[in-house]
């Protein structure tokens, strides 16, 4: 087989093996700026690779998931969360004969716009930036404009899945819908694991109705939810979950908000983190000329408020702390 035929062979395999309502790479709505087709990779695989190799993806390893700046090696970060979402979403897509490559690309890019300090940082920027701040919209902004100063030029389907991954979103593809539900399955379950590790919860604290139906362990609960989605969705152009599993999933989510997400012990450092983000935003709003050139180029079009938020949202936790110390903490004379 000639090298120029590999991609065509893969695209033909998709036509023959994927469900009739799956998104075929050969039928993509394309990119804002057309590219010469790759001889080996489909457009969705190419998008996946562009995301994995970008700086925004690498920075996820030093961004908070739930527990701020954890010392322990085994707490989730935004990067490990992203990988767990990808794994769950790929399993669902494979079972439903959807496009696994598109699913993976969306999953790997869905949180690129998250701020330092997780949702604490996001809530601050949402309060202070005119027009608000949402991490899914920022993730889209990263791949369309900020990364490399020009964006990643991804396909419509990947960009659509990224911006619509929140529960309130309406993805245009079933693969995007899979990532949305996989995101929720991942974070609820791994946040339980991290909360137990931190001593905030014990496994016995979980609601009995949830463990009875969904399972007693991390793996059992994820497996139950995946199997339920496969059973409810197979052979249908929709992603569905049974009422019983959905109800207990909601009970578990409400429990996590009460016992973990709003827990004073788990969130005891959150006020400090919010102060850091507020201070950095105020500083760079007044000193926008100190921003890197790749951000400054957007000031005229987007305004200094949005560009200052862009710079802060790109920061890792440790970069934000270091920059705050540089700007606001006096250095000692030696």
Protein backbone atom coordinates (compact mmCIF):
# COMPACT_ATOMS: atom_id res chain seq x y z
CA UNK A 1 0.00 0.00 0.00
CA UNK A 2 1.35 3.42 -0.91
CA UNK A 3 1.77 5.90 1.93
CA UNK A 4 -0.80 8.23 0.37
CA UNK A 5 -3.45 5.53 0.70
CA UNK A 6 -3.29 4.92 4.46
CA UNK A 7 -5.74 7.69 5.41
CA UNK A 8 -8.18 6.64 2.68
CA UNK A 9 -8.05 3.07 3.96
CA UNK A 10 -8.82 4.19 7.53
CA UNK A 11 -11.69 6.37 6.32
CA UNK A 12 -13.13 3.43 4.39
CA UNK A 13 -12.87 1.26 7.52
CA UNK A 14 -14.89 3.90 9.39
CA UNK A 15 -17.62 3.75 6.73
CA UNK A 16 -17.81 -0.01 7.03
CA UNK A 17 -17.59 -0.46 10.80
CA UNK A 18 -19.01 2.60 12.57
CA UNK A 19 -22.68 3.08 13.36
CA UNK A 20 -24.72 4.91 10.71
CA UNK A 21 -25.10 7.90 13.03
CA UNK A 22 -21.40 8.10 13.98
CA UNK A 23 -19.36 11.07 12.75
CA UNK A 24 -17.08 10.03 9.89
CA UNK A 25 -13.74 11.77 9.54
CA UNK A 26 -14.24 11.94 5.78
CA UNK A 27 -17.43 13.96 6.37
CA UNK A 28 -15.97 16.59 8.70
CA UNK A 29 -17.24 20.12 8.25
CA UNK A 30 -13.59 21.11 8.11
CA UNK A 31 -11.33 23.79 9.54
CA UNK A 32 -11.36 27.56 9.41
CA UNK A 33 -8.14 27.39 7.42
CA UNK A 34 -8.04 24.34 5.09
CA UNK A 35 -4.99 22.08 5.25
CA UNK A 36 -3.48 19.65 2.81
CA UNK A 37 -4.74 16.20 3.95
CA UNK A 38 -2.29 14.08 5.93
CA UNK A 39 -1.31 10.89 4.07
CA UNK A 40 -1.71 8.78 7.23
CA UNK A 41 -3.91 10.50 9.79
CA UNK A 42 -7.59 11.38 9.53
CA UNK A 43 -8.58 14.93 10.43
CA UNK A 44 -9.73 13.90 13.91
CA UNK A 45 -6.50 12.04 14.67
CA UNK A 46 -4.62 15.09 13.47
CA UNK A 47 -6.61 17.26 15.90
CA UNK A 48 -5.88 14.83 18.73
CA UNK A 49 -2.16 15.11 18.01
CA UNK A 50 -2.26 18.91 17.84
CA UNK A 51 -3.89 19.04 21.26
CA UNK A 52 -1.48 16.59 22.89
CA UNK A 53 1.55 18.48 21.61
CA UNK A 54 0.38 21.98 22.60
CA UNK A 55 1.62 23.93 25.61
CA UNK A 56 -1.84 24.37 27.09
CA UNK A 57 -2.19 20.60 27.38
CA UNK A 58 1.15 20.23 29.17
CA UNK A 59 0.22 22.94 31.68
CA UNK A 60 -2.76 20.88 32.86
CA UNK A 61 -0.40 18.74 34.95
CA UNK A 62 0.09 21.67 37.35
CA UNK A 63 -3.52 22.86 37.57
CA UNK A 64 -5.83 21.98 40.45
CA UNK A 65 -8.69 19.54 40.07
CA UNK A 66 -10.34 19.78 43.52
CA UNK A 67 -7.66 19.73 46.22
CA UNK A 68 -5.53 22.83 45.92
CA UNK A 69 -1.77 22.43 45.53
CA UNK A 70 -1.71 18.88 46.93
CA UNK A 71 1.62 17.56 48.21
CA UNK A 72 0.65 13.92 47.79
CA UNK A 73 1.64 12.33 44.50
CA UNK A 74 -1.66 10.55 43.97
CA UNK A 75 -4.18 13.39 43.95
CA UNK A 76 -5.76 14.17 40.62
CA UNK A 77 -4.69 17.18 38.61
CA UNK A 78 -6.49 18.71 35.66
CA UNK A 79 -4.30 16.56 33.40
CA UNK A 80 -5.08 13.23 35.07
CA UNK A 81 -8.76 14.20 35.08
CA UNK A 82 -8.54 14.82 31.34
CA UNK A 83 -6.95 11.42 30.76
CA UNK A 84 -9.64 9.68 32.83
CA UNK A 85 -12.37 11.46 30.87
CA UNK A 86 -10.70 10.34 27.65
CA UNK A 87 -10.52 6.71 28.79
CA UNK A 88 -14.18 6.59 29.87
CA UNK A 89 -15.37 8.39 26.75
CA UNK A 90 -13.38 6.14 24.44
CA UNK A 91 -14.81 3.04 26.10
CA UNK A 92 -18.36 4.31 25.60
CA UNK A 93 -17.73 5.35 22.00
CA UNK A 94 -16.13 2.01 21.17
CA UNK A 95 -19.10 0.15 22.61
CA UNK A 96 -21.57 2.26 20.64
CA UNK A 97 -19.53 2.10 17.41
CA UNK A 98 -18.98 5.85 17.38
CA UNK A 99 -15.84 7.64 16.20
CA UNK A 100 -13.29 6.97 18.90
CA UNK A 101 -10.73 9.36 17.40
CA UNK A 102 -13.14 12.29 17.47
CA UNK A 103 -14.19 11.37 21.01
CA UNK A 104 -10.58 11.31 22.19
CA UNK A 105 -9.73 14.65 20.59
CA UNK A 106 -12.70 16.36 22.27
CA UNK A 107 -11.92 14.79 25.63
CA UNK A 108 -8.25 15.78 25.57
CA UNK A 109 -9.11 19.38 24.69
CA UNK A 110 -12.18 19.95 26.83
CA UNK A 111 -10.42 21.58 29.83
CA UNK A 112 -7.58 23.48 28.13
CA UNK A 113 -9.10 26.78 29.25
CA UNK A 114 -9.29 25.98 32.95
CA UNK A 115 -7.78 28.51 35.34
CA UNK A 116 -5.23 27.94 38.09
CA UNK A 117 -6.81 26.71 41.34
CA UNK A 118 -9.69 24.99 39.56
CA UNK A 119 -13.20 26.35 39.90
CA UNK A 120 -12.03 28.79 42.58
CA UNK A 121 -9.99 30.66 39.97
CA UNK A 122 -12.80 30.41 37.45
CA UNK A 123 -15.33 31.94 39.85
CA UNK A 124 -13.07 34.94 40.49
CA UNK A 125 -12.59 35.69 36.80
CA UNK A 126 -16.30 35.18 36.18
CA UNK A 127 -16.99 37.88 38.78
CA UNK A 128 -14.44 40.46 37.63
CA UNK A 129 -14.20 40.10 33.85
CA UNK A 130 -16.83 42.01 31.84
CA UNK A 131 -18.99 39.43 30.11
CA UNK A 132 -18.01 36.75 32.61
CA UNK A 133 -15.68 33.79 32.30
CA UNK A 134 -16.52 30.14 31.67
CA UNK A 135 -13.84 27.50 31.26
CA UNK A 136 -15.55 25.78 28.32
CA UNK A 137 -15.67 29.05 26.37
CA UNK A 138 -12.07 29.69 27.35
CA UNK A 139 -11.07 26.23 26.13
CA UNK A 140 -12.56 27.12 22.76
CA UNK A 141 -10.70 30.44 22.83
CA UNK A 142 -7.44 28.59 23.51
CA UNK A 143 -7.77 26.31 20.50
CA UNK A 144 -9.15 29.00 18.19
CA UNK A 145 -6.88 31.91 19.09
CA UNK A 146 -4.50 31.74 22.05
CA UNK A 147 -2.39 28.63 21.57
CA UNK A 148 0.73 29.52 19.55
CA UNK A 149 -0.74 33.00 19.10
CA UNK A 150 -3.00 31.80 16.30
CA UNK A 151 -4.87 28.76 17.67
CA UNK A 152 -4.71 25.12 16.62
CA UNK A 153 -7.04 25.32 13.60
CA UNK A 154 -9.09 22.29 14.68
CA UNK A 155 -12.07 20.81 12.90
CA UNK A 156 -15.58 22.07 13.61
CA UNK A 157 -16.59 18.82 15.32
CA UNK A 158 -13.76 18.96 17.87
CA UNK A 159 -14.31 22.63 18.63
CA UNK A 160 -18.04 22.05 19.00
CA UNK A 161 -17.47 19.18 21.43
CA UNK A 162 -15.06 21.24 23.51
CA UNK A 163 -17.35 24.24 23.95
CA UNK A 164 -20.42 22.05 24.60
CA UNK A 165 -18.93 19.59 27.10
CA UNK A 166 -20.76 21.07 30.10
CA UNK A 167 -24.06 19.47 31.12
CA UNK A 168 -25.95 22.47 29.73
CA UNK A 169 -24.25 22.15 26.34
CA UNK A 170 -25.82 20.80 23.16
CA UNK A 171 -23.08 19.06 21.19
CA UNK A 172 -23.64 18.64 17.47
CA UNK A 173 -22.23 15.10 17.49
CA UNK A 174 -22.90 11.99 19.57
CA UNK A 175 -19.17 11.85 20.27
CA UNK A 176 -19.45 15.27 21.92
CA UNK A 177 -22.37 14.03 24.02
CA UNK A 178 -20.29 11.03 25.11
CA UNK A 179 -17.49 13.31 26.34
CA UNK A 180 -19.98 15.45 28.27
CA UNK A 181 -21.34 12.51 30.24
CA UNK A 182 -17.88 10.93 30.62
CA UNK A 183 -16.65 14.18 32.19
CA UNK A 184 -19.32 13.92 34.89
CA UNK A 185 -18.69 10.21 35.49
CA UNK A 186 -14.97 10.85 35.84
CA UNK A 187 -14.98 13.81 38.19
CA UNK A 188 -17.60 12.51 40.62
CA UNK A 189 -15.83 9.19 41.03
CA UNK A 190 -12.25 10.36 41.16
CA UNK A 191 -13.20 13.19 43.51
CA UNK A 192 -14.59 10.56 45.90
CA UNK A 193 -11.27 8.74 45.71
CA UNK A 194 -9.30 11.93 46.40
CA UNK A 195 -11.62 12.94 49.25
CA UNK A 196 -11.07 9.57 50.94
CA UNK A 197 -7.32 9.96 50.43
CA UNK A 198 -7.47 13.39 52.05
CA UNK A 199 -9.47 12.11 55.03
CA UNK A 200 -12.45 14.29 54.15
CA UNK A 201 -14.62 11.20 53.52
CA UNK A 202 -14.74 7.52 54.31
CA UNK A 203 -16.19 5.00 51.90
CA UNK A 204 -18.84 4.21 54.49
CA UNK A 205 -20.08 7.82 54.30
CA UNK A 206 -21.41 7.40 50.78
CA UNK A 207 -25.21 7.16 50.52
CA UNK A 208 -26.30 3.54 50.79
CA UNK A 209 -28.75 3.84 47.90
CA UNK A 210 -25.87 4.90 45.64
CA UNK A 211 -23.46 2.17 46.59
CA UNK A 212 -26.20 -0.47 46.42
CA UNK A 213 -26.99 0.37 42.80
CA UNK A 214 -23.77 1.87 41.43
CA UNK A 215 -21.15 -0.08 43.37
CA UNK A 216 -18.91 0.19 46.41
CA UNK A 217 -15.60 0.91 44.67
CA UNK A 218 -14.29 3.47 42.19
CA UNK A 219 -14.08 0.87 39.42
CA UNK A 220 -17.49 -0.67 40.14
CA UNK A 221 -19.28 2.67 39.93
CA UNK A 222 -17.61 3.66 36.66
CA UNK A 223 -18.30 0.22 35.18
CA UNK A 224 -21.97 0.37 36.21
CA UNK A 225 -22.45 3.77 34.63
CA UNK A 226 -20.69 2.85 31.39
CA UNK A 227 -22.64 -0.39 31.01
CA UNK A 228 -25.91 1.42 31.69
CA UNK A 229 -25.17 4.01 29.00
CA UNK A 230 -24.26 1.28 26.52
CA UNK A 231 -27.44 -0.66 27.26
CA UNK A 232 -29.66 2.41 27.02
CA UNK A 233 -27.98 3.89 23.92
CA UNK A 234 -26.90 0.98 21.71
CA UNK A 235 -28.56 1.05 18.30
CA UNK A 236 -29.99 4.53 18.90
CA UNK A 237 -28.82 7.94 17.65
CA UNK A 238 -28.79 9.29 21.20
CA UNK A 239 -26.77 9.00 24.42
CA UNK A 240 -29.07 7.89 27.23
CA UNK A 241 -28.87 6.71 30.84
CA UNK A 242 -31.55 4.84 32.77
CA UNK A 243 -33.72 6.71 35.25
CA UNK A 244 -32.54 4.59 38.19
CA UNK A 245 -28.84 5.16 37.51
CA UNK A 246 -29.41 8.83 36.71
CA UNK A 247 -31.26 9.39 39.99
CA UNK A 248 -28.53 7.77 42.09
CA UNK A 249 -25.85 9.61 40.15
CA UNK A 250 -27.61 12.89 41.05
CA UNK A 251 -27.83 11.80 44.70
CA UNK A 252 -24.11 11.11 44.68
CA UNK A 253 -23.36 14.47 43.08
CA UNK A 254 -25.46 16.33 45.66
CA UNK A 255 -23.69 14.41 48.42
CA UNK A 256 -20.31 15.47 47.02
CA UNK A 257 -21.32 19.12 46.99
CA UNK A 258 -22.43 18.94 50.61
CA UNK A 259 -19.50 16.92 51.94
CA UNK A 260 -16.57 17.82 49.66
CA UNK A 261 -16.98 20.65 47.16
CA UNK A 262 -18.31 23.02 49.84
CA UNK A 263 -16.48 21.40 52.76
CA UNK A 264 -14.50 23.96 54.82
CA UNK A 265 -11.64 21.50 55.38
CA UNK A 266 -11.29 20.68 51.68
CA UNK A 267 -11.60 24.37 50.77
CA UNK A 268 -9.66 25.98 53.62
CA UNK A 269 -7.04 27.48 51.27
CA UNK A 270 -9.53 28.58 48.63
CA UNK A 271 -9.83 32.14 49.92
CA UNK A 272 -6.08 32.63 49.55
CA UNK A 273 -6.21 31.30 46.00
CA UNK A 274 -9.04 33.62 45.09
CA UNK A 275 -7.07 36.55 46.51
CA UNK A 276 -4.10 35.64 44.32
CA UNK A 277 -6.22 35.54 41.16
CA UNK A 278 -7.95 38.82 42.05
CA UNK A 279 -4.65 40.55 42.74
CA UNK A 280 -3.01 39.30 39.55
CA UNK A 281 -5.98 40.35 37.45
CA UNK A 282 -6.04 43.83 38.95
CA UNK A 283 -2.29 44.19 38.43
CA UNK A 284 -2.20 43.12 34.80
CA UNK A 285 -5.30 45.16 34.02
CA UNK A 286 -3.32 48.24 35.08
CA UNK A 287 -0.01 47.03 33.59
CA UNK A 288 -1.18 45.32 30.44
CA UNK A 289 2.03 46.35 28.68
CA UNK A 290 3.89 43.77 30.80
CA UNK A 291 2.01 40.86 29.22
CA UNK A 292 3.85 38.64 26.73
CA UNK A 293 3.67 39.73 23.08
CA UNK A 294 1.39 36.83 22.11
CA UNK A 295 -1.26 38.25 24.48
CA UNK A 296 -0.62 41.92 23.74
CA UNK A 297 -1.48 41.39 20.08
CA UNK A 298 -5.10 40.78 21.12
CA UNK A 299 -5.61 43.92 23.23
CA UNK A 300 -6.98 46.12 20.45
CA UNK A 301 -9.48 43.51 19.29
CA UNK A 302 -10.54 41.96 22.62
CA UNK A 303 -9.84 44.63 25.24
CA UNK A 304 -7.41 44.68 28.13
CA UNK A 305 -9.85 42.97 30.53
CA UNK A 306 -10.23 39.88 28.38
CA UNK A 307 -6.53 39.71 27.57
CA UNK A 308 -5.54 40.00 31.24
CA UNK A 309 -7.95 37.15 31.98
CA UNK A 310 -6.43 35.12 29.14
CA UNK A 311 -2.96 35.44 30.65
CA UNK A 312 -4.10 34.48 34.16
CA UNK A 313 -6.23 31.57 32.90
CA UNK A 314 -3.15 30.14 31.17
CA UNK A 315 -1.19 30.09 34.43
CA UNK A 316 -0.55 26.92 36.41
CA UNK A 317 -1.10 26.98 40.17
CA UNK A 318 2.58 27.28 40.94
CA UNK A 319 3.18 29.95 38.28
CA UNK A 320 0.36 32.05 39.76
CA UNK A 321 1.85 31.73 43.28
CA UNK A 322 5.34 32.54 42.02
CA UNK A 323 4.12 35.55 40.04
CA UNK A 324 2.11 36.81 43.02
CA UNK A 325 5.20 36.55 45.23
CA UNK A 326 7.29 38.39 42.63
CA UNK A 327 4.80 41.23 42.39
CA UNK A 328 3.51 41.60 45.94
CA UNK A 329 5.84 39.96 48.48
CA UNK A 330 8.91 42.02 49.47
CA UNK A 331 12.26 40.39 48.80
CA UNK A 332 14.71 40.19 51.66
CA UNK A 333 18.06 42.05 51.57
CA UNK A 334 20.95 39.62 51.91
